[in-house]
Amino acid sequence: MSYLIKDTTEEERRRIVEESLGNLSGACDGCSQRVADMYDAYIRGEMELKDINMAFSTRYVKGAMEREPRSSCPM
């Protein structure tokens, strides 16, 4: 099965995201909903999954590298 926008309908993309992420209502802090929201561009047909995931990974790694290094020992 292809997950590309050109090979799927909006309803199929919505189902792909929902099935992939699982039960989002179980989180109490709303974090899971924000994760689901980042896939809205895919559902609307604006951005492929791989591009969304790469953008997220890039921000995550870049943000982690810009913080001050922490010592593994709290002393």
PDB file of N, CA and C in Angstrom:
ATOM      1  N   MET A   1       0.833  -1.180   0.000  1.00  0.00           N
ATOM      2  CA  MET A   1       0.000   0.000   0.000  1.00  0.00           C
ATOM      3  C   MET A   1       0.880   1.245   0.000  1.00  0.00           C
ATOM      4  N   SER A   2       0.519   2.182  -0.828  1.00  0.00           N
ATOM      5  CA  SER A   2       1.247   3.446  -0.889  1.00  0.00           C
ATOM      6  C   SER A   2       0.586   4.459   0.038  1.00  0.00           C
ATOM      7  N   TYR A   3       1.406   5.209   0.759  1.00  0.00           N
ATOM      8  CA  TYR A   3       0.911   6.243   1.653  1.00  0.00           C
ATOM      9  C   TYR A   3       1.088   7.639   1.052  1.00  0.00           C
ATOM     10  N   LEU A   4       1.543   7.695  -0.193  1.00  0.00           N
ATOM     11  CA  LEU A   4       1.767   8.981  -0.840  1.00  0.00           C
ATOM     12  C   LEU A   4       0.444   9.713  -1.058  1.00  0.00           C
ATOM     13  N   ILE A   5       0.501  11.022  -1.011  1.00  0.00           N
ATOM     14  CA  ILE A   5      -0.692  11.842  -1.199  1.00  0.00           C
ATOM     15  C   ILE A   5      -1.362  11.531  -2.526  1.00  0.00           C
ATOM     16  N   LYS A   6      -0.573  11.381  -3.575  1.00  0.00           N
ATOM     17  CA  LYS A   6      -1.147  11.146  -4.899  1.00  0.00           C
ATOM     18  C   LYS A   6      -1.889   9.811  -4.995  1.00  0.00           C
ATOM     19  N   ASP A   7      -1.617   8.897  -4.069  1.00  0.00           N
ATOM     20  CA  ASP A   7      -2.231   7.565  -4.110  1.00  0.00           C
ATOM     21  C   ASP A   7      -3.336   7.379  -3.078  1.00  0.00           C
ATOM     22  N   THR A   8      -3.682   8.430  -2.336  1.00  0.00           N
ATOM     23  CA  THR A   8      -4.660   8.301  -1.261  1.00  0.00           C
ATOM     24  C   THR A   8      -5.673   9.446  -1.303  1.00  0.00           C
ATOM     25  N   THR A   9      -6.828   9.188  -0.737  1.00  0.00           N
ATOM     26  CA  THR A   9      -7.826  10.236  -0.568  1.00  0.00           C
ATOM     27  C   THR A   9      -7.618  10.885   0.792  1.00  0.00           C
ATOM     28  N   GLU A  10      -8.260  12.003   1.014  1.00  0.00           N
ATOM     29  CA  GLU A  10      -8.146  12.670   2.314  1.00  0.00           C
ATOM     30  C   GLU A  10      -8.646  11.757   3.429  1.00  0.00           C
ATOM     31  N   GLU A  11      -9.743  11.052   3.190  1.00  0.00           N
ATOM     32  CA  GLU A  11     -10.287  10.142   4.206  1.00  0.00           C
ATOM     33  C   GLU A  11      -9.303   9.005   4.504  1.00  0.00           C
ATOM     34  N   GLU A  12      -8.657   8.479   3.479  1.00  0.00           N
ATOM     35  CA  GLU A  12      -7.661   7.426   3.700  1.00  0.00           C
ATOM     36  C   GLU A  12      -6.482   7.958   4.496  1.00  0.00           C
ATOM     37  N   ARG A  13      -6.032   9.170   4.196  1.00  0.00           N
ATOM     38  CA  ARG A  13      -4.915   9.765   4.943  1.00  0.00           C
ATOM     39  C   ARG A  13      -5.293   9.995   6.398  1.00  0.00           C
ATOM     40  N   ARG A  14      -6.525  10.431   6.637  1.00  0.00           N
ATOM     41  CA  ARG A  14      -6.995  10.627   8.010  1.00  0.00           C
ATOM     42  C   ARG A  14      -6.962   9.294   8.764  1.00  0.00           C
ATOM     43  N   ARG A  15      -7.424   8.236   8.127  1.00  0.00           N
ATOM     44  CA  ARG A  15      -7.437   6.913   8.749  1.00  0.00           C
ATOM     45  C   ARG A  15      -6.010   6.407   8.992  1.00  0.00           C
ATOM     46  N   ILE A  16      -5.117   6.642   8.052  1.00  0.00           N
ATOM     47  CA  ILE A  16      -3.713   6.233   8.203  1.00  0.00           C
ATOM     48  C   ILE A  16      -3.111   6.885   9.445  1.00  0.00           C
ATOM     49  N   VAL A  17      -3.331   8.181   9.609  1.00  0.00           N
ATOM     50  CA  VAL A  17      -2.782   8.903  10.764  1.00  0.00           C
ATOM     51  C   VAL A  17      -3.411   8.388  12.051  1.00  0.00           C
ATOM     52  N   GLU A  18      -4.723   8.263  12.069  1.00  0.00           N
ATOM     53  CA  GLU A  18      -5.405   7.797  13.274  1.00  0.00           C
ATOM     54  C   GLU A  18      -4.957   6.397  13.675  1.00  0.00           C
ATOM     55  N   GLU A  19      -4.845   5.501  12.713  1.00  0.00           N
ATOM     56  CA  GLU A  19      -4.424   4.133  13.023  1.00  0.00           C
ATOM     57  C   GLU A  19      -2.961   4.083  13.456  1.00  0.00           C
ATOM     58  N   SER A  20      -2.150   4.931  12.886  1.00  0.00           N
ATOM     59  CA  SER A  20      -0.725   4.935  13.221  1.00  0.00           C
ATOM     60  C   SER A  20      -0.462   5.477  14.618  1.00  0.00           C
ATOM     61  N   LEU A  21      -1.210   6.485  15.005  1.00  0.00           N
ATOM     62  CA  LEU A  21      -0.977   7.122  16.302  1.00  0.00           C
ATOM     63  C   LEU A  21      -1.721   6.448  17.438  1.00  0.00           C
ATOM     64  N   GLY A  22      -2.745   5.691  17.150  1.00  0.00           N
ATOM     65  CA  GLY A  22      -3.485   4.988  18.186  1.00  0.00           C
ATOM     66  C   GLY A  22      -4.440   5.901  18.931  1.00  0.00           C
ATOM     67  N   ASN A  23      -4.742   5.547  20.165  1.00  0.00           N
ATOM     68  CA  ASN A  23      -5.699   6.281  20.996  1.00  0.00           C
ATOM     69  C   ASN A  23      -5.062   7.553  21.514  1.00  0.00           C
ATOM     70  N   LEU A  24      -5.496   8.682  20.994  1.00  0.00           N
ATOM     71  CA  LEU A  24      -4.922   9.967  21.406  1.00  0.00           C
ATOM     72  C   LEU A  24      -5.636  10.569  22.598  1.00  0.00           C
ATOM     73  N   SER A  25      -6.811  10.108  22.902  1.00  0.00           N
ATOM     74  CA  SER A  25      -7.565  10.713  23.994  1.00  0.00           C
ATOM     75  C   SER A  25      -7.099  10.222  25.360  1.00  0.00           C
ATOM     76  N   GLY A  26      -6.189   9.251  25.411  1.00  0.00           N
ATOM     77  CA  GLY A  26      -5.723   8.708  26.683  1.00  0.00           C
ATOM     78  C   GLY A  26      -4.732   9.588  27.397  1.00  0.00           C
ATOM     79  N   ALA A  27      -4.172  10.567  26.725  1.00  0.00           N
ATOM     80  CA  ALA A  27      -3.165  11.427  27.360  1.00  0.00           C
ATOM     81  C   ALA A  27      -3.844  12.552  28.115  1.00  0.00           C
ATOM     82  N   CYS A  28      -3.389  12.797  29.315  1.00  0.00           N
ATOM     83  CA  CYS A  28      -4.034  13.823  30.138  1.00  0.00           C
ATOM     84  C   CYS A  28      -3.462  15.211  29.905  1.00  0.00           C
ATOM     85  N   ASP A  29      -2.286  15.333  29.338  1.00  0.00           N
ATOM     86  CA  ASP A  29      -1.667  16.651  29.214  1.00  0.00           C
ATOM     87  C   ASP A  29      -1.856  17.302  27.848  1.00  0.00           C
ATOM     88  N   GLY A  30      -2.542  16.641  26.924  1.00  0.00           N
ATOM     89  CA  GLY A  30      -2.773  17.219  25.614  1.00  0.00           C
ATOM     90  C   GLY A  30      -1.610  17.078  24.659  1.00  0.00           C
ATOM     91  N   CYS A  31      -0.531  16.481  25.099  1.00  0.00           N
ATOM     92  CA  CYS A  31       0.655  16.319  24.264  1.00  0.00           C
ATOM     93  C   CYS A  31       0.346  15.501  23.020  1.00  0.00           C
ATOM     94  N   SER A  32      -0.386  14.421  23.183  1.00  0.00           N
ATOM     95  CA  SER A  32      -0.681  13.544  22.051  1.00  0.00           C
ATOM     96  C   SER A  32      -1.466  14.263  20.975  1.00  0.00           C
ATOM     97  N   GLN A  33      -2.354  15.146  21.355  1.00  0.00           N
ATOM     98  CA  GLN A  33      -3.121  15.883  20.355  1.00  0.00           C
ATOM     99  C   GLN A  33      -2.216  16.787  19.537  1.00  0.00           C
ATOM    100  N   ARG A  34      -1.214  17.387  20.170  1.00  0.00           N
ATOM    101  CA  ARG A  34      -0.265  18.221  19.426  1.00  0.00           C
ATOM    102  C   ARG A  34       0.525  17.384  18.435  1.00  0.00           C
ATOM    103  N   VAL A  35       0.857  16.161  18.800  1.00  0.00           N
ATOM    104  CA  VAL A  35       1.547  15.262  17.871  1.00  0.00           C
ATOM    105  C   VAL A  35       0.641  14.980  16.689  1.00  0.00           C
ATOM    106  N   ALA A  36      -0.625  14.703  16.938  1.00  0.00           N
ATOM    107  CA  ALA A  36      -1.576  14.428  15.859  1.00  0.00           C
ATOM    108  C   ALA A  36      -1.737  15.647  14.961  1.00  0.00           C
ATOM    109  N   ASP A  37      -1.750  16.835  15.538  1.00  0.00           N
ATOM    110  CA  ASP A  37      -1.938  18.063  14.765  1.00  0.00           C
ATOM    111  C   ASP A  37      -0.834  18.274  13.736  1.00  0.00           C
ATOM    112  N   MET A  38       0.369  17.800  14.023  1.00  0.00           N
ATOM    113  CA  MET A  38       1.451  18.023  13.073  1.00  0.00           C
ATOM    114  C   MET A  38       1.234  17.249  11.774  1.00  0.00           C
ATOM    115  N   TYR A  39       0.325  16.282  11.784  1.00  0.00           N
ATOM    116  CA  TYR A  39       0.029  15.517  10.568  1.00  0.00           C
ATOM    117  C   TYR A  39      -1.145  16.080   9.779  1.00  0.00           C
ATOM    118  N   ASP A  40      -1.698  17.203  10.198  1.00  0.00           N
ATOM    119  CA  ASP A  40      -2.812  17.821   9.475  1.00  0.00           C
ATOM    120  C   ASP A  40      -2.437  18.176   8.040  1.00  0.00           C
ATOM    121  N   ALA A  41      -1.206  18.621   7.826  1.00  0.00           N
ATOM    122  CA  ALA A  41      -0.766  18.979   6.471  1.00  0.00           C
ATOM    123  C   ALA A  41      -0.790  17.757   5.555  1.00  0.00           C
ATOM    124  N   TYR A  42      -0.476  16.598   6.081  1.00  0.00           N
ATOM    125  CA  TYR A  42      -0.552  15.361   5.297  1.00  0.00           C
ATOM    126  C   TYR A  42      -2.008  15.033   4.975  1.00  0.00           C
ATOM    127  N   ILE A  43      -2.853  15.122   5.971  1.00  0.00           N
ATOM    128  CA  ILE A  43      -4.268  14.812   5.763  1.00  0.00           C
ATOM    129  C   ILE A  43      -4.861  15.738   4.707  1.00  0.00           C
ATOM    130  N   ARG A  44      -4.495  17.009   4.744  1.00  0.00           N
ATOM    131  CA  ARG A  44      -5.007  17.981   3.761  1.00  0.00           C
ATOM    132  C   ARG A  44      -4.357  17.817   2.391  1.00  0.00           C
ATOM    133  N   GLY A  45      -3.308  17.001   2.294  1.00  0.00           N
ATOM    134  CA  GLY A  45      -2.638  16.786   1.013  1.00  0.00           C
ATOM    135  C   GLY A  45      -1.580  17.818   0.692  1.00  0.00           C
ATOM    136  N   GLU A  46      -1.035  18.475   1.697  1.00  0.00           N
ATOM    137  CA  GLU A  46      -0.058  19.542   1.498  1.00  0.00           C
ATOM    138  C   GLU A  46       1.392  19.099   1.685  1.00  0.00           C
ATOM    139  N   MET A  47       1.601  18.030   2.444  1.00  0.00           N
ATOM    140  CA  MET A  47       2.963  17.619   2.781  1.00  0.00           C
ATOM    141  C   MET A  47       2.994  16.113   3.014  1.00  0.00           C
ATOM    142  N   GLU A  48       3.992  15.444   2.443  1.00  0.00           N
ATOM    143  CA  GLU A  48       4.115  13.993   2.602  1.00  0.00           C
ATOM    144  C   GLU A  48       4.555  13.646   4.028  1.00  0.00           C
ATOM    145  N   LEU A  49       4.227  12.442   4.452  1.00  0.00           N
ATOM    146  CA  LEU A  49       4.593  11.964   5.789  1.00  0.00           C
ATOM    147  C   LEU A  49       6.089  12.061   6.041  1.00  0.00           C
ATOM    148  N   LYS A  50       6.885  11.636   5.073  1.00  0.00           N
ATOM    149  CA  LYS A  50       8.337  11.642   5.265  1.00  0.00           C
ATOM    150  C   LYS A  50       8.860  13.051   5.500  1.00  0.00           C
ATOM    151  N   ASP A  51       8.247  14.040   4.840  1.00  0.00           N
ATOM    152  CA  ASP A  51       8.684  15.423   5.019  1.00  0.00           C
ATOM    153  C   ASP A  51       8.303  15.956   6.394  1.00  0.00           C
ATOM    154  N   ILE A  52       7.119  15.600   6.870  1.00  0.00           N
ATOM    155  CA  ILE A  52       6.693  16.007   8.209  1.00  0.00           C
ATOM    156  C   ILE A  52       7.601  15.381   9.257  1.00  0.00           C
ATOM    157  N   ASN A  53       7.868  14.091   9.105  1.00  0.00           N
ATOM    158  CA  ASN A  53       8.719  13.396  10.072  1.00  0.00           C
ATOM    159  C   ASN A  53      10.143  13.933  10.058  1.00  0.00           C
ATOM    160  N   MET A  54      10.667  14.241   8.874  1.00  0.00           N
ATOM    161  CA  MET A  54      12.020  14.796   8.793  1.00  0.00           C
ATOM    162  C   MET A  54      12.075  16.177   9.440  1.00  0.00           C
ATOM    163  N   ALA A  55      11.059  17.000   9.220  1.00  0.00           N
ATOM    164  CA  ALA A  55      11.039  18.341   9.826  1.00  0.00           C
ATOM    165  C   ALA A  55      10.984  18.226  11.340  1.00  0.00           C
ATOM    166  N   PHE A  56      10.182  17.323  11.855  1.00  0.00           N
ATOM    167  CA  PHE A  56      10.087  17.125  13.296  1.00  0.00           C
ATOM    168  C   PHE A  56      11.426  16.647  13.856  1.00  0.00           C
ATOM    169  N   SER A  57      12.018  15.662  13.209  1.00  0.00           N
ATOM    170  CA  SER A  57      13.304  15.123  13.675  1.00  0.00           C
ATOM    171  C   SER A  57      14.392  16.185  13.658  1.00  0.00           C
ATOM    172  N   THR A  58      14.404  17.001  12.642  1.00  0.00           N
ATOM    173  CA  THR A  58      15.414  18.052  12.535  1.00  0.00           C
ATOM    174  C   THR A  58      15.266  19.050  13.664  1.00  0.00           C
ATOM    175  N   ARG A  59      14.032  19.471  13.963  1.00  0.00           N
ATOM    176  CA  ARG A  59      13.819  20.417  15.062  1.00  0.00           C
ATOM    177  C   ARG A  59      14.199  19.783  16.388  1.00  0.00           C
ATOM    178  N   TYR A  60      13.879  18.517  16.570  1.00  0.00           N
ATOM    179  CA  TYR A  60      14.173  17.834  17.829  1.00  0.00           C
ATOM    180  C   TYR A  60      15.683  17.751  18.049  1.00  0.00           C
ATOM    181  N   VAL A  61      16.407  17.303  17.045  1.00  0.00           N
ATOM    182  CA  VAL A  61      17.855  17.150  17.173  1.00  0.00           C
ATOM    183  C   VAL A  61      18.509  18.507  17.324  1.00  0.00           C
ATOM    184  N   LYS A  62      18.105  19.484  16.514  1.00  0.00           N
ATOM    185  CA  LYS A  62      18.698  20.808  16.596  1.00  0.00           C
ATOM    186  C   LYS A  62      18.456  21.405  17.977  1.00  0.00           C
ATOM    187  N   GLY A  63      17.261  21.291  18.492  1.00  0.00           N
ATOM    188  CA  GLY A  63      16.951  21.828  19.813  1.00  0.00           C
ATOM    189  C   GLY A  63      17.757  21.157  20.898  1.00  0.00           C
ATOM    190  N   ALA A  64      17.952  19.861  20.782  1.00  0.00           N
ATOM    191  CA  ALA A  64      18.716  19.125  21.786  1.00  0.00           C
ATOM    192  C   ALA A  64      20.181  19.527  21.761  1.00  0.00           C
ATOM    193  N   MET A  65      20.693  19.835  20.592  1.00  0.00           N
ATOM    194  CA  MET A  65      22.105  20.175  20.480  1.00  0.00           C
ATOM    195  C   MET A  65      22.389  21.602  20.931  1.00  0.00           C
ATOM    196  N   GLU A  66      21.386  22.475  20.946  1.00  0.00           N
ATOM    197  CA  GLU A  66      21.611  23.857  21.311  1.00  0.00           C
ATOM    198  C   GLU A  66      21.560  24.093  22.809  1.00  0.00           C
ATOM    199  N   ARG A  67      21.079  23.116  23.565  1.00  0.00           N
ATOM    200  CA  ARG A  67      21.038  23.263  25.020  1.00  0.00           C
ATOM    201  C   ARG A  67      22.430  23.100  25.610  1.00  0.00           C
ATOM    202  N   GLU A  68      22.584  23.615  26.821  1.00  0.00           N
ATOM    203  CA  GLU A  68      23.856  23.438  27.513  1.00  0.00           C
ATOM    204  C   GLU A  68      24.058  21.964  27.815  1.00  0.00           C
ATOM    205  N   PRO A  69      25.259  21.463  27.643  1.00  0.00           N
ATOM    206  CA  PRO A  69      25.515  20.063  27.975  1.00  0.00           C
ATOM    207  C   PRO A  69      25.328  19.819  29.463  1.00  0.00           C
ATOM    208  N   ARG A  70      24.764  18.684  29.774  1.00  0.00           N
ATOM    209  CA  ARG A  70      24.547  18.323  31.181  1.00  0.00           C
ATOM    210  C   ARG A  70      25.519  17.231  31.583  1.00  0.00           C
ATOM    211  N   SER A  71      25.956  17.309  32.798  1.00  0.00           N
ATOM    212  CA  SER A  71      26.793  16.259  33.358  1.00  0.00           C
ATOM    213  C   SER A  71      25.896  15.106  33.757  1.00  0.00           C
ATOM    214  N   SER A  72      26.388  13.898  33.634  1.00  0.00           N
ATOM    215  CA  SER A  72      25.595  12.756  34.034  1.00  0.00           C
ATOM    216  C   SER A  72      25.556  12.597  35.557  1.00  0.00           C
ATOM    217  N   CYS A  73      26.447  13.292  36.229  1.00  0.00           N
ATOM    218  CA  CYS A  73      26.502  13.237  37.682  1.00  0.00           C
ATOM    219  C   CYS A  73      25.971  14.533  38.262  1.00  0.00           C
ATOM    220  N   PRO A  74      24.954  14.478  39.115  1.00  0.00           N
ATOM    221  CA  PRO A  74      24.387  15.711  39.664  1.00  0.00           C
ATOM    222  C   PRO A  74      25.267  16.381  40.708  1.00  0.00           C
ATOM    223  N   MET A  75      26.354  15.788  41.128  1.00  0.00           N
ATOM    224  CA  MET A  75      27.212  16.341  42.180  1.00  0.00           C
ATOM    225  C   MET A  75      28.149  17.367  41.620  1.00  0.00           C
TER     226      MET A  75
END
